[in-house]
Amino acid sequence: MNLTISGHHLEVTPALRSYVINKLDRITRHFDQVVDVKVLLTVEKQKEKQNRQRAECNIHVKGNDMFAESAHADLYAAVDELVDKLDRQVVRHKDRIQNHHHEAPKRLM
């Protein structure tokens, strides 16, 4: 899995990097065919302090690309919401690719 964590208008500290990596482990625990993950953490220059911190993520898995974004007053809370959204998408994708068709029972004559 290729992981890219970048920051826009902020420096990605080692503590923040390790927090994002630990949270993204939840996604790889549910679905192990993740090819590429790109995380973008930004701080927007807004006058109001609400929802300034944004977290965006692109995930490339076998057969699909997924995107999620989250905004919150706290960057760690934004990362938590982001991982929750991505986790739901990954579990849904995993359910779709599994074969849910059963063989028809043989007819009795």
N, C-alpha and C. Protein backbone atom coordinates (compact mmCIF):
# COMPACT_ATOMS: atom_id res chain seq x y z
N MET A 1 0.85 -1.18 0.00
CA MET A 1 0.00 0.00 0.00
C MET A 1 0.89 1.23 0.00
N ASN A 2 0.67 2.10 -0.96
CA ASN A 2 1.38 3.37 -1.02
C ASN A 2 0.57 4.42 -0.27
N LEU A 3 1.21 5.08 0.68
CA LEU A 3 0.53 6.07 1.50
C LEU A 3 1.21 7.41 1.34
N THR A 4 0.42 8.43 0.99
CA THR A 4 0.94 9.79 0.86
C THR A 4 0.11 10.70 1.76
N ILE A 5 0.78 11.37 2.70
CA ILE A 5 0.11 12.32 3.59
C ILE A 5 0.74 13.68 3.34
N SER A 6 -0.07 14.64 2.94
CA SER A 6 0.46 15.97 2.68
C SER A 6 -0.41 17.01 3.36
N GLY A 7 0.18 18.17 3.58
CA GLY A 7 -0.53 19.25 4.25
C GLY A 7 -0.56 20.49 3.39
N HIS A 8 -1.63 21.21 3.49
CA HIS A 8 -1.80 22.47 2.76
C HIS A 8 -2.06 23.55 3.81
N HIS A 9 -1.17 24.52 3.90
CA HIS A 9 -1.22 25.59 4.91
C HIS A 9 -0.97 25.06 6.31
N LEU A 10 -0.33 23.90 6.44
CA LEU A 10 0.08 23.40 7.74
C LEU A 10 1.21 22.40 7.56
N GLU A 11 1.96 22.21 8.60
CA GLU A 11 3.05 21.24 8.59
C GLU A 11 2.53 19.94 9.19
N VAL A 12 2.79 18.85 8.50
CA VAL A 12 2.36 17.54 8.98
C VAL A 12 3.41 17.05 9.98
N THR A 13 3.06 17.09 11.25
CA THR A 13 3.99 16.69 12.31
C THR A 13 4.05 15.17 12.39
N PRO A 14 5.10 14.63 13.00
CA PRO A 14 5.17 13.17 13.16
C PRO A 14 4.00 12.61 13.98
N ALA A 15 3.52 13.37 14.97
CA ALA A 15 2.38 12.90 15.76
C ALA A 15 1.12 12.83 14.90
N LEU A 16 0.91 13.83 14.07
CA LEU A 16 -0.26 13.84 13.19
C LEU A 16 -0.15 12.72 12.15
N ARG A 17 1.03 12.52 11.62
CA ARG A 17 1.26 11.45 10.64
C ARG A 17 0.97 10.08 11.25
N SER A 18 1.48 9.84 12.46
CA SER A 18 1.24 8.54 13.09
C SER A 18 -0.24 8.35 13.44
N TYR A 19 -0.94 9.43 13.80
CA TYR A 19 -2.37 9.35 14.09
C TYR A 19 -3.15 8.94 12.85
N VAL A 20 -2.82 9.53 11.71
CA VAL A 20 -3.52 9.20 10.46
C VAL A 20 -3.22 7.76 10.06
N ILE A 21 -1.97 7.32 10.21
CA ILE A 21 -1.61 5.95 9.86
C ILE A 21 -2.33 4.95 10.74
N ASN A 22 -2.42 5.23 12.04
CA ASN A 22 -3.13 4.33 12.95
C ASN A 22 -4.61 4.25 12.62
N LYS A 23 -5.20 5.36 12.23
CA LYS A 23 -6.62 5.35 11.88
C LYS A 23 -6.86 4.62 10.56
N LEU A 24 -5.94 4.75 9.60
CA LEU A 24 -6.12 4.09 8.31
C LEU A 24 -5.89 2.59 8.39
N ASP A 25 -5.30 2.11 9.48
CA ASP A 25 -5.15 0.67 9.66
C ASP A 25 -6.51 -0.02 9.75
N ARG A 26 -7.51 0.71 10.20
CA ARG A 26 -8.86 0.15 10.28
C ARG A 26 -9.39 -0.22 8.90
N ILE A 27 -9.04 0.58 7.90
CA ILE A 27 -9.50 0.31 6.54
C ILE A 27 -8.80 -0.92 5.98
N THR A 28 -7.51 -1.03 6.21
CA THR A 28 -6.78 -2.19 5.69
C THR A 28 -7.15 -3.46 6.45
N ARG A 29 -7.65 -3.32 7.66
CA ARG A 29 -8.11 -4.49 8.40
C ARG A 29 -9.38 -5.05 7.78
N HIS A 30 -10.24 -4.18 7.24
CA HIS A 30 -11.48 -4.65 6.61
C HIS A 30 -11.28 -5.10 5.18
N PHE A 31 -10.34 -4.50 4.49
CA PHE A 31 -10.14 -4.81 3.07
C PHE A 31 -8.67 -4.70 2.77
N ASP A 32 -8.03 -5.81 2.42
CA ASP A 32 -6.58 -5.82 2.30
C ASP A 32 -6.08 -5.52 0.89
N GLN A 33 -6.95 -5.27 -0.07
CA GLN A 33 -6.52 -5.01 -1.44
C GLN A 33 -6.46 -3.52 -1.75
N VAL A 34 -5.99 -2.74 -0.80
CA VAL A 34 -5.83 -1.30 -1.00
C VAL A 34 -4.51 -1.07 -1.72
N VAL A 35 -4.56 -0.35 -2.83
CA VAL A 35 -3.37 -0.13 -3.64
C VAL A 35 -2.70 1.18 -3.26
N ASP A 36 -3.47 2.27 -3.18
CA ASP A 36 -2.90 3.60 -3.01
C ASP A 36 -3.81 4.45 -2.13
N VAL A 37 -3.22 5.21 -1.21
CA VAL A 37 -3.97 6.11 -0.34
C VAL A 37 -3.29 7.48 -0.37
N LYS A 38 -4.07 8.52 -0.64
CA LYS A 38 -3.56 9.89 -0.63
C LYS A 38 -4.41 10.71 0.33
N VAL A 39 -3.77 11.27 1.35
CA VAL A 39 -4.47 12.06 2.36
C VAL A 39 -3.98 13.50 2.24
N LEU A 40 -4.92 14.44 2.23
CA LEU A 40 -4.60 15.86 2.18
C LEU A 40 -5.24 16.53 3.39
N LEU A 41 -4.42 17.13 4.23
CA LEU A 41 -4.88 17.84 5.41
C LEU A 41 -4.69 19.34 5.16
N THR A 42 -5.76 20.12 5.34
CA THR A 42 -5.67 21.55 5.06
C THR A 42 -6.26 22.35 6.20
N VAL A 43 -5.78 23.57 6.30
CA VAL A 43 -6.36 24.57 7.20
C VAL A 43 -6.79 25.73 6.33
N GLU A 44 -8.07 26.00 6.31
CA GLU A 44 -8.59 27.07 5.48
C GLU A 44 -8.58 28.38 6.25
N LYS A 45 -8.40 29.45 5.53
CA LYS A 45 -8.34 30.77 6.14
C LYS A 45 -9.73 31.41 6.14
N GLN A 46 -10.55 30.93 7.04
CA GLN A 46 -11.91 31.47 7.14
C GLN A 46 -12.00 32.39 8.35
N LYS A 47 -12.95 33.30 8.29
CA LYS A 47 -13.12 34.21 9.43
C LYS A 47 -13.71 33.48 10.62
N GLU A 48 -14.72 32.64 10.38
CA GLU A 48 -15.27 31.87 11.49
C GLU A 48 -14.37 30.67 11.74
N LYS A 49 -14.32 30.24 12.97
CA LYS A 49 -13.43 29.16 13.36
C LYS A 49 -14.04 27.78 13.13
N GLN A 50 -15.33 27.71 12.84
CA GLN A 50 -15.97 26.42 12.64
C GLN A 50 -15.53 25.82 11.32
N ASN A 51 -15.28 24.54 11.34
CA ASN A 51 -14.98 23.75 10.15
C ASN A 51 -13.82 24.30 9.32
N ARG A 52 -12.80 24.81 9.99
CA ARG A 52 -11.61 25.29 9.29
C ARG A 52 -10.70 24.15 8.89
N GLN A 53 -10.62 23.13 9.71
CA GLN A 53 -9.71 22.02 9.48
C GLN A 53 -10.39 21.02 8.55
N ARG A 54 -9.72 20.69 7.45
CA ARG A 54 -10.31 19.75 6.48
C ARG A 54 -9.38 18.58 6.27
N ALA A 55 -9.97 17.43 6.06
CA ALA A 55 -9.22 16.23 5.73
C ALA A 55 -9.88 15.60 4.50
N GLU A 56 -9.08 15.30 3.50
CA GLU A 56 -9.57 14.67 2.28
C GLU A 56 -8.74 13.44 2.01
N CYS A 57 -9.36 12.44 1.40
CA CYS A 57 -8.62 11.21 1.13
C CYS A 57 -9.13 10.57 -0.15
N ASN A 58 -8.18 10.14 -0.99
CA ASN A 58 -8.47 9.34 -2.18
C ASN A 58 -7.89 7.96 -1.93
N ILE A 59 -8.70 6.94 -2.13
CA ILE A 59 -8.25 5.57 -1.97
C ILE A 59 -8.47 4.84 -3.28
N HIS A 60 -7.43 4.17 -3.74
CA HIS A 60 -7.53 3.34 -4.93
C HIS A 60 -7.45 1.90 -4.46
N VAL A 61 -8.55 1.18 -4.62
CA VAL A 61 -8.59 -0.25 -4.29
C VAL A 61 -8.77 -1.02 -5.59
N LYS A 62 -8.61 -2.31 -5.50
CA LYS A 62 -8.76 -3.14 -6.69
C LYS A 62 -10.18 -3.04 -7.22
N GLY A 63 -10.34 -2.37 -8.34
CA GLY A 63 -11.64 -2.27 -8.97
C GLY A 63 -12.40 -0.99 -8.73
N ASN A 64 -11.88 -0.07 -7.91
CA ASN A 64 -12.66 1.13 -7.61
C ASN A 64 -11.76 2.21 -7.04
N ASP A 65 -12.20 3.46 -7.19
CA ASP A 65 -11.57 4.61 -6.53
C ASP A 65 -12.60 5.22 -5.60
N MET A 66 -12.17 5.59 -4.40
CA MET A 66 -13.08 6.17 -3.42
C MET A 66 -12.54 7.51 -2.95
N PHE A 67 -13.44 8.42 -2.64
CA PHE A 67 -13.07 9.74 -2.16
C PHE A 67 -13.97 10.10 -0.99
N ALA A 68 -13.37 10.72 0.02
CA ALA A 68 -14.16 11.24 1.14
C ALA A 68 -13.48 12.49 1.66
N GLU A 69 -14.28 13.37 2.23
CA GLU A 69 -13.75 14.58 2.84
C GLU A 69 -14.53 14.89 4.10
N SER A 70 -13.88 15.61 4.99
CA SER A 70 -14.50 15.96 6.26
C SER A 70 -13.94 17.29 6.73
N ALA A 71 -14.77 18.07 7.38
CA ALA A 71 -14.35 19.36 7.92
C ALA A 71 -14.82 19.48 9.36
N HIS A 72 -13.96 20.01 10.21
CA HIS A 72 -14.29 20.13 11.63
C HIS A 72 -13.42 21.24 12.22
N ALA A 73 -13.76 21.67 13.42
CA ALA A 73 -12.95 22.68 14.10
C ALA A 73 -11.62 22.10 14.58
N ASP A 74 -11.58 20.80 14.84
CA ASP A 74 -10.37 20.12 15.29
C ASP A 74 -9.91 19.17 14.19
N LEU A 75 -8.62 19.19 13.87
CA LEU A 75 -8.11 18.36 12.78
C LEU A 75 -8.19 16.88 13.10
N TYR A 76 -7.97 16.51 14.35
CA TYR A 76 -8.05 15.11 14.74
C TYR A 76 -9.48 14.59 14.61
N ALA A 77 -10.46 15.42 14.95
CA ALA A 77 -11.87 15.03 14.79
C ALA A 77 -12.23 14.92 13.31
N ALA A 78 -11.65 15.78 12.48
CA ALA A 78 -11.89 15.69 11.04
C ALA A 78 -11.32 14.39 10.48
N VAL A 79 -10.16 13.97 10.97
CA VAL A 79 -9.57 12.70 10.53
C VAL A 79 -10.45 11.54 10.98
N ASP A 80 -11.00 11.61 12.19
CA ASP A 80 -11.89 10.55 12.68
C ASP A 80 -13.12 10.41 11.79
N GLU A 81 -13.75 11.54 11.45
CA GLU A 81 -14.93 11.50 10.58
C GLU A 81 -14.57 10.98 9.20
N LEU A 82 -13.42 11.37 8.71
CA LEU A 82 -12.96 10.93 7.40
C LEU A 82 -12.79 9.42 7.35
N VAL A 83 -12.16 8.86 8.37
CA VAL A 83 -11.94 7.42 8.40
C VAL A 83 -13.26 6.67 8.55
N ASP A 84 -14.20 7.23 9.31
CA ASP A 84 -15.53 6.59 9.41
C ASP A 84 -16.21 6.52 8.04
N LYS A 85 -16.15 7.62 7.28
CA LYS A 85 -16.77 7.63 5.96
C LYS A 85 -16.09 6.64 5.02
N LEU A 86 -14.77 6.63 5.05
CA LEU A 86 -14.04 5.72 4.17
C LEU A 86 -14.29 4.27 4.54
N ASP A 87 -14.38 4.00 5.83
CA ASP A 87 -14.61 2.64 6.28
C ASP A 87 -15.96 2.12 5.78
N ARG A 88 -16.98 2.96 5.84
CA ARG A 88 -18.29 2.56 5.32
C ARG A 88 -18.23 2.29 3.83
N GLN A 89 -17.49 3.12 3.09
CA GLN A 89 -17.37 2.92 1.64
C GLN A 89 -16.63 1.62 1.32
N VAL A 90 -15.57 1.34 2.07
CA VAL A 90 -14.78 0.14 1.81
C VAL A 90 -15.58 -1.11 2.13
N VAL A 91 -16.30 -1.12 3.24
CA VAL A 91 -17.12 -2.28 3.60
C VAL A 91 -18.22 -2.49 2.56
N ARG A 92 -18.80 -1.41 2.08
CA ARG A 92 -19.84 -1.52 1.05
C ARG A 92 -19.25 -2.07 -0.25
N HIS A 93 -18.06 -1.61 -0.61
CA HIS A 93 -17.40 -2.12 -1.81
C HIS A 93 -17.07 -3.61 -1.67
N LYS A 94 -16.63 -3.99 -0.50
CA LYS A 94 -16.29 -5.40 -0.26
C LYS A 94 -17.53 -6.27 -0.37
N ASP A 95 -18.67 -5.80 0.15
CA ASP A 95 -19.90 -6.57 0.04
C ASP A 95 -20.35 -6.70 -1.41
N ARG A 96 -20.11 -5.67 -2.22
CA ARG A 96 -20.52 -5.71 -3.62
C ARG A 96 -19.71 -6.70 -4.43
N ILE A 97 -18.43 -6.81 -4.14
CA ILE A 97 -17.60 -7.68 -4.98
C ILE A 97 -17.69 -9.14 -4.57
N GLN A 98 -18.20 -9.41 -3.38
CA GLN A 98 -18.36 -10.81 -2.99
C GLN A 98 -19.50 -11.43 -3.77
N ASN A 99 -19.39 -12.71 -4.03
CA ASN A 99 -20.41 -13.40 -4.80
C ASN A 99 -21.53 -13.81 -3.85
N HIS A 100 -22.70 -13.20 -4.02
CA HIS A 100 -23.84 -13.50 -3.16
C HIS A 100 -24.82 -14.47 -3.82
N HIS A 101 -24.47 -14.95 -5.00
CA HIS A 101 -25.37 -15.85 -5.71
C HIS A 101 -25.13 -17.28 -5.24
N HIS A 102 -26.20 -17.97 -4.99
CA HIS A 102 -26.11 -19.36 -4.57
C HIS A 102 -26.53 -20.25 -5.74
N GLU A 103 -25.99 -21.43 -5.75
CA GLU A 103 -26.40 -22.35 -6.80
C GLU A 103 -27.84 -22.79 -6.55
N ALA A 104 -28.57 -22.93 -7.62
CA ALA A 104 -29.96 -23.37 -7.51
C ALA A 104 -29.96 -24.85 -7.09
N PRO A 105 -30.85 -25.20 -6.20
CA PRO A 105 -30.90 -26.61 -5.80
C PRO A 105 -31.33 -27.47 -6.99
N LYS A 106 -30.77 -28.66 -7.02
CA LYS A 106 -31.08 -29.55 -8.13
C LYS A 106 -32.54 -30.03 -7.99
N ARG A 107 -33.16 -30.15 -9.13
CA ARG A 107 -34.56 -30.57 -9.12
C ARG A 107 -34.66 -32.05 -8.81
N LEU A 108 -35.63 -32.36 -7.99
CA LEU A 108 -35.90 -33.76 -7.70
C LEU A 108 -36.97 -34.26 -8.65
N MET A 109 -36.76 -35.42 -9.21
CA MET A 109 -37.74 -35.94 -10.17
C MET A 109 -38.50 -37.08 -9.56
